[in-house]
Amino acid sequence: MISMTILLYTLAGFVLDLILGDPESFPHPVVGMGKMISFLEEHVRKAFPGTPRGLRLGGLILALTMLFSVQLLSLLLLFAAGRIHPYLAAALNILWCWQCLAMRCLAKESESVRRALEEDDLGKARLRVSRIVGRDTKDLDKEGVTRAVIETIAENFSDGEIAPLFYMLIGGAPLALAYKAVNTMDSMIGYKNEKYLDLGRAAAKLDDAANFIPARLSALLLTAAAFLSGEDGKNAFRIWRRDRRKHASPNSGQTEAAMAGALGVRLAGPASYFGKPLEKPYIGDPLRPVETADIRRAERLMYIGGFLALILLGGLRLALTLL
């Protein structure tokens, strides 16, 4: 019975994400997670020595505290809601499942960049792409902006859709929220710079572990989506096999390689972060130049891959329920 309700909550959340996306005026649990991470960081830095060892220990305690707090709080809130009325608990489950998914939101943000590019307003495109990427954008040309959007779609297809869906169908909304906590920690303190190299080490490693299976599954889903959408599925698989390790992250290169191969373009390469240039290897082959229309193609691959994931993972969950 529990397995079936998890499946129904997930399906409802998936549909709500497709229809409504992430309304900006609506409270989101990730905002609360971000505030809690900042609070914990401040107190950890005061409580532990500023040595590499002290910061690593403090970072480990921060990561574990954050992870278990989110899991425990979500379970307690669901229990309390259920005591009031079962429908309230169901509504809360569906709400969190919806908020853990970000496919419509990602498409909305990437579309805003695409429209700015089609209007030949490079300044606006740079500003809008800065909302969804971590690199410096002020010096990007039109092709650089387009490439950044495609890479973000590829990476966030895993982080923002497949990984939360994967954990949602295993442990419901609480486990999906725990994953979002891990992912949010990595995005806030998981940097390999002077400030966070030691403090964010545990968060970064935890994120790598949490995304290991979803990232590889996401790459295969993008490959399948390429076959179904008329893109180059064979090349997607070839480039994924060849270039998936050409990234500092053990996971981000998985989907970027599959996306590059599917579209027949070259992604990644040198970039600037916080004013510092970073040499990164290219992913994919430049079979043709990157063009603005590739953003739409990447979005289509993302949507098809998302539906395939729901069918595959949901079907597996249903099969296990019926056994």
Foldseek 3Di string as FASTA:
>chain_A
DVLVLLLVLLVLLVVCCQVPADPPVDDAVLVVLLVLLVVLVVVQPVPFDPDLVRLQVSLQCSLVCSLVVLLVVLVVVLVVLVVVPVVSSSVSLSVLSNRLAHLNVLLVLLVQLLVCVVVVNQVSNLVSLVVQDQFRRPPDDSLRSLLSSLLSLLQCLLVRFQLLSLQSSVPGSSSSSSLSSLVSLCVPQVDCDPVRVRNNVNSLVVNLVSRVVSLLLSLVLLLVLLVVVVFPSVQLVVLLVVFQPQDPRNRSSNRSQSLCRRHQAKHDAWTHGPRRIDGGDIGGDHPDGDDSCSSVVSSSSSVSSNVVSSCVSSVVSVVVVVD
